[in-house]
């Protein structure tokens, strides 16, 4: 454990995932005392968290034993409300729930609600029963895998998706379908739901992985009838599954046709967009809405028309490099940069460097600004010279 500041008298919340910066920052803004558990311990993560636990395993993966140990230690911290998870925890959720008596309470979906939407056999059967369209799925390898992808139900960030023609791995199969990649964020409580908004998803191809998550733009406006049908689908799913707190649904939008892909039964990265677009609508931000929904069954008010739009984009290293002190300091001082790596960190080609977040009056303006910021960051990487001293673990 690495402590950054003395513990405050505010209620404590543990936030855990591959990267916990987003939740730690949101919790600090909500007046909570966050404790972060993740792989990187980035500079701004530790700036917002009163303590950081390293839960990294081999490569860019979470070590289950270290995760459980860190949560057990967090249980003993004063005024601990519980823990909230974000991306990367899915493969470990069953273990966390089995050890629940020794851990802080989970502020989120339990085993049954999670399985109802993450078990593909149950989820797509539910969609069929509710009359909600989705791409064709199969649970054995198609005779002709061309035009199919294989997905792993406990994965995240697009690294759980491969072309069926190049993968021999286990998983379920989904036929590729046309449309824009979109998501909707919603809050569930007591079998009801409040829709927060819609976002456009950004992805990049990385080797054998065709759809690696690279960011999002939003809130975006959908035609009234399309938005209404999506909201009705979300309400029907929540009524049947009892999803609670912040969740997101991924879907394809082809004209006015909607095809649901999957549900993330936890706070997703898109919550950054809505907190940025509506900084004053929810007094404690969306993380406060999540806690209120999970612990007290309270739903937030539906947001008004957004005064601004936001975008976030993951910057991937075009080449391997070692973060210099000047590079790290420049990123930390840049309001658009988040997930800032420490000086001395080795980042390999294709690995994430940091996340850019911008706001602007329109989605088109956001798109232009984030491209400009992305180009500037790539230039900064190109001029980053090798750090001559000891190198920290790979980012």
Protein backbone atom coordinates (compact mmCIF):
# COMPACT_ATOMS: atom_id res chain seq x y z
CA UNK A 1 0.00 0.00 0.00
CA UNK A 2 1.19 3.50 -0.81
CA UNK A 3 -0.44 6.38 1.07
CA UNK A 4 -0.58 9.79 -0.60
CA UNK A 5 -2.38 11.92 1.98
CA UNK A 6 -3.64 11.41 5.53
CA UNK A 7 -7.06 9.80 5.77
CA UNK A 8 -9.81 12.37 6.09
CA UNK A 9 -12.94 12.19 8.18
CA UNK A 10 -15.02 11.65 5.04
CA UNK A 11 -16.59 8.24 4.38
CA UNK A 12 -14.12 5.90 2.72
CA UNK A 13 -14.79 3.96 -0.47
CA UNK A 14 -12.51 1.47 -2.21
CA UNK A 15 -12.44 1.60 -6.02
CA UNK A 16 -10.95 -1.29 -7.99
CA UNK A 17 -10.22 -2.16 -11.61
CA UNK A 18 -7.48 -2.30 -14.21
CA UNK A 19 -7.35 1.48 -13.80
CA UNK A 20 -9.12 3.09 -10.83
CA UNK A 21 -8.33 6.72 -11.63
CA UNK A 22 -11.76 7.61 -13.01
CA UNK A 23 -13.60 6.30 -9.94
CA UNK A 24 -11.04 7.71 -7.50
CA UNK A 25 -11.34 11.15 -9.07
CA UNK A 26 -15.13 10.96 -9.09
CA UNK A 27 -15.24 9.81 -5.46
CA UNK A 28 -12.94 12.64 -4.34
CA UNK A 29 -15.15 15.17 -6.14
CA UNK A 30 -18.16 13.68 -4.33
CA UNK A 31 -16.55 14.41 -0.96
CA UNK A 32 -15.57 10.80 -0.28
CA UNK A 33 -12.19 9.42 0.75
CA UNK A 34 -11.22 7.00 -2.05
CA UNK A 35 -8.75 4.15 -1.76
CA UNK A 36 -7.58 2.96 -5.19
CA UNK A 37 -6.76 -0.60 -6.22
CA UNK A 38 -5.35 -0.97 -9.73
CA UNK A 39 -2.36 -1.89 -11.90
CA UNK A 40 -0.75 1.46 -12.50
CA UNK A 41 -0.97 3.80 -9.53
CA UNK A 42 -0.79 6.68 -11.99
CA UNK A 43 0.13 10.12 -10.67
CA UNK A 44 -3.39 11.53 -10.77
CA UNK A 45 -4.81 8.33 -9.29
CA UNK A 46 -2.60 8.76 -6.23
CA UNK A 47 -3.32 12.49 -6.18
CA UNK A 48 -7.04 11.82 -5.66
CA UNK A 49 -6.76 8.68 -3.49
CA UNK A 50 -5.64 8.61 0.12
CA UNK A 51 -4.02 5.22 -0.47
CA UNK A 52 -3.15 2.99 -3.43
CA UNK A 53 -2.85 -0.81 -3.54
CA UNK A 54 -1.00 -2.52 -6.39
CA UNK A 55 -3.10 -5.45 -7.66
CA UNK A 56 -1.15 -6.07 -10.87
CA UNK A 57 -0.36 -9.56 -12.13
CA UNK A 58 1.40 -10.84 -15.24
CA UNK A 59 1.28 -8.34 -18.08
CA UNK A 60 -1.74 -6.05 -17.98
CA UNK A 61 -3.84 -8.29 -15.73
CA UNK A 62 -5.20 -8.29 -12.18
CA UNK A 63 -3.73 -10.75 -9.68
CA UNK A 64 -6.67 -12.26 -7.81
CA UNK A 65 -4.76 -12.99 -4.61
CA UNK A 66 -3.42 -9.44 -4.44
CA UNK A 67 -6.90 -8.05 -5.15
CA UNK A 68 -8.44 -10.07 -2.31
CA UNK A 69 -5.62 -9.16 0.08
CA UNK A 70 -5.93 -5.45 -0.75
CA UNK A 71 -9.69 -5.48 -0.19
CA UNK A 72 -9.26 -7.31 3.12
CA UNK A 73 -6.85 -4.59 4.23
CA UNK A 74 -9.23 -1.90 3.02
CA UNK A 75 -11.98 -3.40 5.19
CA UNK A 76 -10.10 -2.21 8.28
CA UNK A 77 -9.95 1.41 7.16
CA UNK A 78 -12.13 3.87 9.09
CA UNK A 79 -15.65 4.70 7.87
CA UNK A 80 -15.44 2.23 4.97
CA UNK A 81 -18.70 2.31 2.97
CA UNK A 82 -17.74 -0.51 0.61
CA UNK A 83 -16.06 -1.07 -2.73
CA UNK A 84 -17.00 -0.19 -6.30
CA UNK A 85 -15.59 -2.00 -9.32
CA UNK A 86 -14.88 -0.91 -12.86
CA UNK A 87 -13.48 -2.66 -15.93
CA UNK A 88 -11.23 -5.66 -15.47
CA UNK A 89 -12.88 -7.08 -12.35
CA UNK A 90 -15.33 -9.32 -14.25
CA UNK A 91 -13.18 -12.51 -14.14
CA UNK A 92 -12.76 -12.08 -10.36
CA UNK A 93 -16.27 -11.12 -9.30
CA UNK A 94 -17.31 -14.63 -8.26
CA UNK A 95 -14.25 -14.90 -6.01
CA UNK A 96 -14.98 -11.52 -4.47
CA UNK A 97 -18.55 -12.52 -3.70
CA UNK A 98 -17.43 -15.86 -2.23
CA UNK A 99 -15.11 -14.02 0.16
CA UNK A 100 -17.69 -11.34 0.92
CA UNK A 101 -17.64 -11.86 4.69
CA UNK A 102 -13.98 -10.77 4.81
CA UNK A 103 -14.32 -7.85 2.40
CA UNK A 104 -16.06 -4.48 2.35
CA UNK A 105 -19.59 -4.68 1.00
CA UNK A 106 -19.89 -4.54 -2.76
CA UNK A 107 -21.62 -1.33 -3.89
CA UNK A 108 -22.96 -2.70 -7.15
CA UNK A 109 -24.60 -5.72 -8.70
CA UNK A 110 -24.52 -9.05 -6.94
CA UNK A 111 -23.97 -12.47 -8.47
CA UNK A 112 -27.51 -13.06 -9.75
CA UNK A 113 -28.02 -9.69 -11.44
CA UNK A 114 -24.56 -9.85 -12.99
CA UNK A 115 -25.04 -13.39 -14.31
CA UNK A 116 -28.42 -12.45 -15.79
CA UNK A 117 -26.69 -10.09 -18.23
CA UNK A 118 -23.14 -11.46 -18.45
CA UNK A 119 -24.00 -15.13 -19.05
CA UNK A 120 -24.57 -15.01 -22.83
CA UNK A 121 -27.00 -17.94 -22.90
CA UNK A 122 -29.23 -16.25 -20.30
CA UNK A 123 -28.84 -12.74 -21.66
CA UNK A 124 -29.66 -13.39 -25.31
CA UNK A 125 -32.52 -15.68 -24.32
CA UNK A 126 -33.88 -12.80 -22.25
CA UNK A 127 -33.53 -10.40 -25.18
CA UNK A 128 -35.41 -12.84 -27.41
CA UNK A 129 -38.16 -13.19 -24.81
CA UNK A 130 -38.47 -9.40 -24.54
CA UNK A 131 -38.43 -8.93 -28.32
CA UNK A 132 -35.20 -6.89 -28.24
CA UNK A 133 -33.12 -7.25 -31.40
CA UNK A 134 -29.48 -8.38 -31.29
CA UNK A 135 -26.93 -9.79 -33.76
CA UNK A 136 -27.14 -13.52 -34.32
CA UNK A 137 -25.25 -15.51 -31.67
CA UNK A 138 -24.01 -19.10 -31.55
CA UNK A 139 -22.52 -21.18 -28.77
CA UNK A 140 -20.51 -23.49 -31.00
CA UNK A 141 -18.16 -22.56 -33.80
CA UNK A 142 -20.03 -21.71 -37.03
CA UNK A 143 -19.30 -23.99 -39.98
CA UNK A 144 -18.16 -20.88 -41.88
CA UNK A 145 -16.63 -18.44 -39.35
CA UNK A 146 -16.22 -15.67 -41.92
CA UNK A 147 -18.15 -12.63 -40.74
CA UNK A 148 -18.29 -13.81 -37.10
CA UNK A 149 -16.43 -12.72 -33.98
CA UNK A 150 -15.75 -14.69 -30.81
CA UNK A 151 -16.30 -12.96 -27.45
CA UNK A 152 -15.41 -13.89 -23.88
CA UNK A 153 -18.21 -13.06 -21.45
CA UNK A 154 -15.93 -11.96 -18.61
CA UNK A 155 -13.81 -9.65 -20.75
CA UNK A 156 -13.81 -5.88 -21.22
CA UNK A 157 -12.43 -3.06 -23.30
CA UNK A 158 -12.63 -4.97 -26.56
CA UNK A 159 -9.65 -7.18 -25.71
CA UNK A 160 -12.19 -10.00 -25.23
CA UNK A 161 -13.19 -9.87 -28.92
CA UNK A 162 -11.40 -11.63 -31.78
CA UNK A 163 -12.26 -12.49 -35.36
CA UNK A 164 -13.65 -16.02 -35.38
CA UNK A 165 -11.46 -16.85 -38.39
CA UNK A 166 -8.25 -16.19 -36.43
CA UNK A 167 -9.25 -17.48 -33.00
CA UNK A 168 -9.29 -21.02 -31.68
CA UNK A 169 -10.26 -19.87 -28.18
CA UNK A 170 -13.37 -20.60 -26.19
CA UNK A 171 -16.24 -18.18 -25.99
CA UNK A 172 -19.50 -17.44 -27.73
CA UNK A 173 -19.87 -16.32 -31.32
CA UNK A 174 -21.63 -13.24 -32.63
CA UNK A 175 -22.27 -12.40 -36.26
CA UNK A 176 -20.93 -9.03 -37.37
CA UNK A 177 -23.72 -6.55 -38.08
CA UNK A 178 -23.77 -3.06 -39.57
CA UNK A 179 -24.18 0.12 -37.54
CA UNK A 180 -22.47 2.73 -35.38
CA UNK A 181 -21.04 1.41 -32.13
CA UNK A 182 -22.98 3.13 -29.33
CA UNK A 183 -23.65 2.83 -25.62
CA UNK A 184 -26.23 4.08 -23.14
CA UNK A 185 -25.52 4.75 -19.47
CA UNK A 186 -28.31 4.19 -16.97
CA UNK A 187 -28.92 3.90 -13.24
CA UNK A 188 -31.03 1.06 -11.87
CA UNK A 189 -32.79 0.75 -8.50
CA UNK A 190 -35.77 -1.27 -7.25
CA UNK A 191 -36.35 -2.72 -10.76
CA UNK A 192 -36.68 0.76 -12.30
CA UNK A 193 -34.15 2.74 -14.35
CA UNK A 194 -33.16 6.30 -15.22
CA UNK A 195 -31.46 6.82 -18.56
CA UNK A 196 -28.46 9.16 -18.31
CA UNK A 197 -27.51 9.45 -21.97
CA UNK A 198 -26.08 8.00 -25.18
CA UNK A 199 -22.46 7.94 -26.36
CA UNK A 200 -20.60 7.00 -29.51
CA UNK A 201 -17.91 4.40 -28.90
CA UNK A 202 -14.45 4.66 -30.45
CA UNK A 203 -12.30 1.61 -31.19
CA UNK A 204 -9.03 0.73 -32.90
CA UNK A 205 -7.65 -2.44 -34.43
CA UNK A 206 -4.70 -3.85 -32.50
CA UNK A 207 -3.08 -6.91 -34.03
CA UNK A 208 -5.60 -9.76 -33.92
CA UNK A 209 -8.03 -7.65 -31.86
CA UNK A 210 -10.43 -5.77 -34.18
CA UNK A 211 -12.35 -3.67 -31.63
CA UNK A 212 -10.10 -2.43 -28.82
CA UNK A 213 -11.83 0.33 -26.85
CA UNK A 214 -10.24 3.71 -27.58
CA UNK A 215 -12.70 6.18 -26.07
CA UNK A 216 -16.16 7.70 -26.48
CA UNK A 217 -18.01 10.90 -27.40
CA UNK A 218 -21.19 12.22 -25.85
CA UNK A 219 -23.83 12.82 -24.83
CA UNK A 220 -25.06 12.35 -28.41
CA UNK A 221 -28.63 13.03 -29.50
CA UNK A 222 -30.72 10.26 -31.00
CA UNK A 223 -34.07 10.65 -32.78
CA UNK A 224 -36.87 10.78 -30.22
CA UNK A 225 -38.47 7.48 -31.31
CA UNK A 226 -35.12 5.65 -31.35
CA UNK A 227 -34.21 6.97 -27.90
CA UNK A 228 -37.65 5.95 -26.60
CA UNK A 229 -37.27 2.37 -27.88
CA UNK A 230 -33.84 2.09 -26.29
CA UNK A 231 -35.13 3.41 -22.99
CA UNK A 232 -38.02 0.94 -23.05
CA UNK A 233 -35.57 -1.90 -23.71
CA UNK A 234 -33.41 -0.79 -20.76
CA UNK A 235 -36.42 -0.57 -18.46
CA UNK A 236 -37.59 -4.05 -19.51
CA UNK A 237 -34.13 -5.55 -18.88
CA UNK A 238 -33.79 -3.87 -15.49
CA UNK A 239 -37.27 -5.02 -14.46
CA UNK A 240 -36.30 -8.62 -15.19
CA UNK A 241 -32.72 -8.58 -13.86
CA UNK A 242 -32.82 -6.11 -10.93
CA UNK A 243 -29.66 -4.36 -12.10
CA UNK A 244 -28.64 -1.66 -9.62
CA UNK A 245 -26.48 1.43 -9.80
CA UNK A 246 -24.59 2.56 -12.87
CA UNK A 247 -24.62 0.17 -15.82
CA UNK A 248 -24.15 0.56 -19.55
CA UNK A 249 -25.63 -1.18 -22.57
CA UNK A 250 -23.66 -1.46 -25.82
CA UNK A 251 -25.60 -1.50 -29.08
CA UNK A 252 -25.32 -0.97 -32.83
CA UNK A 253 -27.36 1.79 -34.43
CA UNK A 254 -28.04 1.25 -38.14
CA UNK A 255 -30.40 3.98 -39.32
CA UNK A 256 -33.27 3.53 -36.89
CA UNK A 257 -32.50 -0.17 -36.29
CA UNK A 258 -31.08 -1.08 -32.84
CA UNK A 259 -29.20 -4.29 -32.09
CA UNK A 260 -28.06 -4.86 -28.50
CA UNK A 261 -24.56 -6.28 -28.04
CA UNK A 262 -23.96 -6.61 -24.29
CA UNK A 263 -24.37 -4.99 -20.88
CA UNK A 264 -21.59 -3.90 -18.54
CA UNK A 265 -23.05 -4.47 -15.07
CA UNK A 266 -20.87 -1.82 -13.41
CA UNK A 267 -19.89 1.83 -13.86
CA UNK A 268 -18.40 2.25 -17.32
CA UNK A 269 -15.82 4.71 -18.58
CA UNK A 270 -18.55 6.75 -20.28
CA UNK A 271 -19.61 8.18 -16.92
CA UNK A 272 -16.71 10.61 -17.44
CA UNK A 273 -18.59 12.16 -20.37
CA UNK A 274 -21.75 12.85 -18.42
CA UNK A 275 -20.00 14.19 -15.33
CA UNK A 276 -18.11 16.54 -17.65
CA UNK A 277 -21.21 17.58 -19.63
CA UNK A 278 -23.38 18.11 -16.53
CA UNK A 279 -20.96 19.19 -13.78
CA UNK A 280 -23.72 20.59 -11.53
CA UNK A 281 -26.82 18.44 -12.20
CA UNK A 282 -25.99 15.81 -9.57
CA UNK A 283 -24.46 17.39 -6.43
CA UNK A 284 -22.22 14.36 -5.77
CA UNK A 285 -21.76 13.39 -9.39
CA UNK A 286 -22.71 10.06 -10.94
CA UNK A 287 -20.72 8.10 -8.37
CA UNK A 288 -23.02 9.58 -5.74
CA UNK A 289 -26.01 8.46 -7.83
CA UNK A 290 -24.50 4.97 -8.02
CA UNK A 291 -24.06 4.74 -4.25
CA UNK A 292 -27.56 6.10 -3.56
CA UNK A 293 -29.11 3.61 -5.98
CA UNK A 294 -27.21 0.60 -4.64
CA UNK A 295 -27.46 1.34 -0.91
CA UNK A 296 -30.75 3.24 -0.65
CA UNK A 297 -32.69 2.33 -3.79
CA UNK A 298 -32.82 5.96 -4.96
CA UNK A 299 -32.87 6.94 -8.63
CA UNK A 300 -31.44 10.27 -9.85
CA UNK A 301 -33.51 12.83 -11.71
CA UNK A 302 -33.36 12.61 -15.47
CA UNK A 303 -30.77 15.10 -16.77
CA UNK A 304 -31.77 18.16 -18.79
CA UNK A 305 -30.37 18.93 -22.25
CA UNK A 306 -26.57 18.97 -21.89
CA UNK A 307 -24.96 22.45 -21.98
CA UNK A 308 -21.72 20.91 -23.33
CA UNK A 309 -20.45 17.71 -24.90
CA UNK A 310 -17.39 15.70 -23.96
CA UNK A 311 -15.00 13.19 -25.40
CA UNK A 312 -12.33 10.86 -24.13
CA UNK A 313 -9.65 9.03 -26.07
CA UNK A 314 -7.02 6.54 -24.98
CA UNK A 315 -3.59 7.34 -26.40
CA UNK A 316 -1.67 4.22 -27.39
CA UNK A 317 2.11 4.30 -27.68
CA UNK A 318 3.26 4.33 -31.32
CA UNK A 319 6.60 2.97 -30.14
CA UNK A 320 8.12 1.65 -26.95
CA UNK A 321 9.54 4.35 -24.71
CA UNK A 322 10.46 5.19 -21.13
CA UNK A 323 8.55 8.07 -19.56
CA UNK A 324 10.87 10.98 -18.79
CA UNK A 325 10.32 13.36 -15.87
CA UNK A 326 9.60 16.17 -18.35
CA UNK A 327 6.99 14.07 -20.17
CA UNK A 328 5.24 13.02 -16.96
CA UNK A 329 5.23 16.58 -15.58
CA UNK A 330 3.91 18.00 -18.87
CA UNK A 331 1.04 15.48 -18.90
CA UNK A 332 0.20 16.15 -15.25
CA UNK A 333 0.04 19.87 -15.96
CA UNK A 334 -2.16 19.40 -19.04
CA UNK A 335 -5.89 19.63 -18.13
CA UNK A 336 -6.76 17.25 -20.98
CA UNK A 337 -4.43 14.47 -19.78
CA UNK A 338 -5.49 11.80 -17.28
CA UNK A 339 -3.99 8.49 -16.16
CA UNK A 340 -0.57 10.15 -16.11
CA UNK A 341 2.31 7.64 -15.88
CA UNK A 342 5.23 8.10 -13.50
CA UNK A 343 8.69 9.01 -14.74
CA UNK A 344 10.71 5.88 -15.38
CA UNK A 345 7.73 3.80 -16.49
CA UNK A 346 8.41 1.62 -19.54
CA UNK A 347 5.50 1.69 -22.00
CA UNK A 348 5.60 -0.77 -24.87
CA UNK A 349 4.34 -0.08 -28.39
CA UNK A 350 0.55 -0.43 -28.52
CA UNK A 351 0.07 -0.04 -24.78
CA UNK A 352 -2.01 2.82 -23.32
CA UNK A 353 -0.06 5.93 -22.35
CA UNK A 354 -2.79 8.15 -20.92
CA UNK A 355 -6.40 9.23 -21.51
CA UNK A 356 -7.43 12.54 -23.06
CA UNK A 357 -10.67 14.20 -21.92
CA UNK A 358 -12.05 17.37 -23.53
CA UNK A 359 -15.32 19.31 -23.53
CA UNK A 360 -16.79 21.61 -26.20
CA UNK A 361 -20.17 23.06 -27.20
CA UNK A 362 -20.86 20.33 -29.80
CA UNK A 363 -19.88 16.75 -30.60
CA UNK A 364 -18.20 17.90 -33.83
CA UNK A 365 -16.14 20.43 -31.86
CA UNK A 366 -15.22 17.71 -29.35
CA UNK A 367 -14.12 15.44 -32.19
CA UNK A 368 -11.87 18.16 -33.64
CA UNK A 369 -10.38 19.10 -30.27
CA UNK A 370 -9.64 15.55 -29.23
CA UNK A 371 -7.90 14.88 -32.56
CA UNK A 372 -5.78 17.99 -32.00
CA UNK A 373 -4.92 16.94 -28.45
CA UNK A 374 -4.11 13.43 -29.68
CA UNK A 375 -1.69 14.78 -32.28
CA UNK A 376 0.01 16.95 -29.65
CA UNK A 377 0.41 14.01 -27.30
CA UNK A 378 1.95 11.86 -30.05
CA UNK A 379 4.44 14.67 -30.73
CA UNK A 380 5.24 14.74 -27.03
CA UNK A 381 5.93 10.99 -27.14
CA UNK A 382 8.20 11.37 -30.17
CA UNK A 383 10.33 13.93 -28.35
CA UNK A 384 10.43 11.94 -25.09
CA UNK A 385 14.02 10.81 -24.58
CA UNK A 386 14.99 7.64 -22.76
CA UNK A 387 15.06 8.06 -18.99
CA UNK A 388 18.61 7.13 -17.95
CA UNK A 389 17.95 5.84 -14.43
CA UNK A 390 16.21 2.73 -13.08
CA UNK A 391 13.05 1.82 -14.96
CA UNK A 392 9.78 1.14 -13.19
CA UNK A 393 7.58 -1.86 -14.11
CA UNK A 394 5.99 -1.86 -17.55
CA UNK A 395 2.87 0.34 -17.76
